């Protein structure tokens, strides 16, 4: 299972202009005793942040929304070369729909199936 986190805040100019409701998306992998958030910074620069369950509550209070996706977790996702946080997340959950380009479009696609 993977948790997909959607954020309304960003410090980058382009997502503030282009993206509507959500400005950023990050996949969270559930490991044996902790969580790992894969934070997209820029192309070929992805930071893995260790989290705990209480951290999800803190993020929720700061405007994040989460959707749990029931798919198998692959050992090595093909995320190399992703240009955006949405493209990286789509590669994690194996979505190939080219129409999904913004975090809100991904949220609506996942909301239809997983909420």
Protein backbone atom coordinates (compact mmCIF):
# COMPACT_ATOMS: atom_id res chain seq x y z
CA UNK A 1 0.00 0.00 0.00
CA UNK A 2 1.16 3.54 -0.77
CA UNK A 3 -0.15 6.76 0.74
CA UNK A 4 -0.28 9.72 -1.65
CA UNK A 5 0.00 13.12 0.02
CA UNK A 6 -1.32 16.30 -1.61
CA UNK A 7 -0.26 19.76 -0.41
CA UNK A 8 -1.85 23.15 -0.96
CA UNK A 9 1.33 25.17 -0.27
CA UNK A 10 4.52 25.63 -2.25
CA UNK A 11 7.37 28.08 -2.49
CA UNK A 12 7.84 27.62 -6.23
CA UNK A 13 6.36 30.15 -8.66
CA UNK A 14 5.26 27.90 -11.52
CA UNK A 15 3.03 25.58 -9.45
CA UNK A 16 1.46 28.64 -7.80
CA UNK A 17 0.39 29.84 -11.26
CA UNK A 18 -0.50 26.59 -13.04
CA UNK A 19 -1.87 24.29 -10.32
CA UNK A 20 -5.33 24.93 -8.89
CA UNK A 21 -6.25 23.38 -5.54
CA UNK A 22 -3.14 21.30 -4.81
CA UNK A 23 0.37 22.52 -5.57
CA UNK A 24 2.48 19.46 -4.72
CA UNK A 25 2.17 15.68 -4.43
CA UNK A 26 4.43 13.15 -2.69
CA UNK A 27 4.19 9.35 -2.41
CA UNK A 28 4.66 7.82 1.04
CA UNK A 29 5.81 4.20 1.19
CA UNK A 30 4.83 2.08 4.17
CA UNK A 31 7.83 0.11 5.43
CA UNK A 32 7.94 -2.41 8.29
CA UNK A 33 8.34 0.07 11.15
CA UNK A 34 8.31 3.52 9.53
CA UNK A 35 7.12 5.56 6.57
CA UNK A 36 9.20 7.06 3.74
CA UNK A 37 8.10 10.21 1.94
CA UNK A 38 9.70 10.63 -1.47
CA UNK A 39 9.98 14.39 -1.90
CA UNK A 40 10.52 15.64 -5.47
CA UNK A 41 12.87 18.63 -5.53
CA UNK A 42 13.86 18.83 -9.20
CA UNK A 43 14.73 16.45 -12.02
CA UNK A 44 17.04 13.68 -10.77
CA UNK A 45 16.95 15.15 -7.23
CA UNK A 46 14.56 13.26 -4.99
CA UNK A 47 14.89 13.25 -1.23
CA UNK A 48 13.64 10.35 0.91
CA UNK A 49 12.30 11.64 4.23
CA UNK A 50 11.61 9.18 7.09
CA UNK A 51 8.24 9.78 8.79
CA UNK A 52 6.17 8.42 11.65
CA UNK A 53 2.40 8.23 11.94
CA UNK A 54 2.33 11.35 14.13
CA UNK A 55 4.03 13.24 11.30
CA UNK A 56 1.03 12.52 9.06
CA UNK A 57 -1.21 14.15 11.68
CA UNK A 58 1.05 17.21 11.74
CA UNK A 59 1.01 17.41 7.93
CA UNK A 60 -2.80 17.11 7.94
CA UNK A 61 -3.03 20.12 10.25
CA UNK A 62 -0.86 22.07 7.79
CA UNK A 63 -3.12 21.49 4.79
CA UNK A 64 -2.04 18.11 3.43
CA UNK A 65 -4.61 15.56 2.30
CA UNK A 66 -3.88 11.86 1.95
CA UNK A 67 -5.25 9.00 -0.16
CA UNK A 68 -4.26 5.39 0.55
CA UNK A 69 -3.73 3.45 -2.69
CA UNK A 70 -4.03 -0.33 -2.51
CA UNK A 71 -1.37 -1.46 -4.96
CA UNK A 72 1.71 -3.65 -4.56
CA UNK A 73 4.90 -1.77 -3.79
CA UNK A 74 7.67 -2.46 -6.27
CA UNK A 75 11.24 -2.76 -5.02
CA UNK A 76 12.69 -0.18 -7.42
CA UNK A 77 10.17 2.19 -9.00
CA UNK A 78 11.18 3.64 -12.35
CA UNK A 79 11.34 7.28 -11.25
CA UNK A 80 14.62 8.31 -12.87
CA UNK A 81 14.14 11.21 -15.24
CA UNK A 82 10.78 12.38 -13.89
CA UNK A 83 10.28 16.09 -14.59
CA UNK A 84 7.56 16.85 -12.02
CA UNK A 85 6.25 15.56 -8.72
CA UNK A 86 3.12 14.33 -10.49
CA UNK A 87 5.13 12.35 -13.03
CA UNK A 88 7.20 10.77 -10.24
CA UNK A 89 4.06 9.79 -8.31
CA UNK A 90 2.40 8.38 -11.42
CA UNK A 91 5.44 6.19 -11.98
CA UNK A 92 5.23 4.95 -8.38
CA UNK A 93 1.64 3.81 -8.78
CA UNK A 94 1.99 2.79 -12.44
CA UNK A 95 -0.45 5.28 -13.98
CA UNK A 96 0.27 6.06 -17.63
CA UNK A 97 -2.58 8.47 -18.39
CA UNK A 98 -0.95 11.45 -20.14
CA UNK A 99 -3.91 13.71 -19.31
CA UNK A 100 -2.96 13.79 -15.62
CA UNK A 101 -0.48 16.68 -15.41
CA UNK A 102 -1.33 18.52 -12.16
CA UNK A 103 -1.63 17.35 -8.56
CA UNK A 104 -5.36 18.14 -8.54
CA UNK A 105 -5.95 16.02 -11.67
CA UNK A 106 -4.14 13.12 -9.97
CA UNK A 107 -6.19 13.69 -6.82
CA UNK A 108 -9.46 13.52 -8.78
CA UNK A 109 -8.36 10.35 -10.60
CA UNK A 110 -7.39 8.63 -7.35
CA UNK A 111 -10.38 10.00 -5.43
CA UNK A 112 -12.72 8.32 -7.89
CA UNK A 113 -11.26 4.86 -7.13
CA UNK A 114 -9.84 4.93 -3.62
CA UNK A 115 -12.04 7.14 -1.42
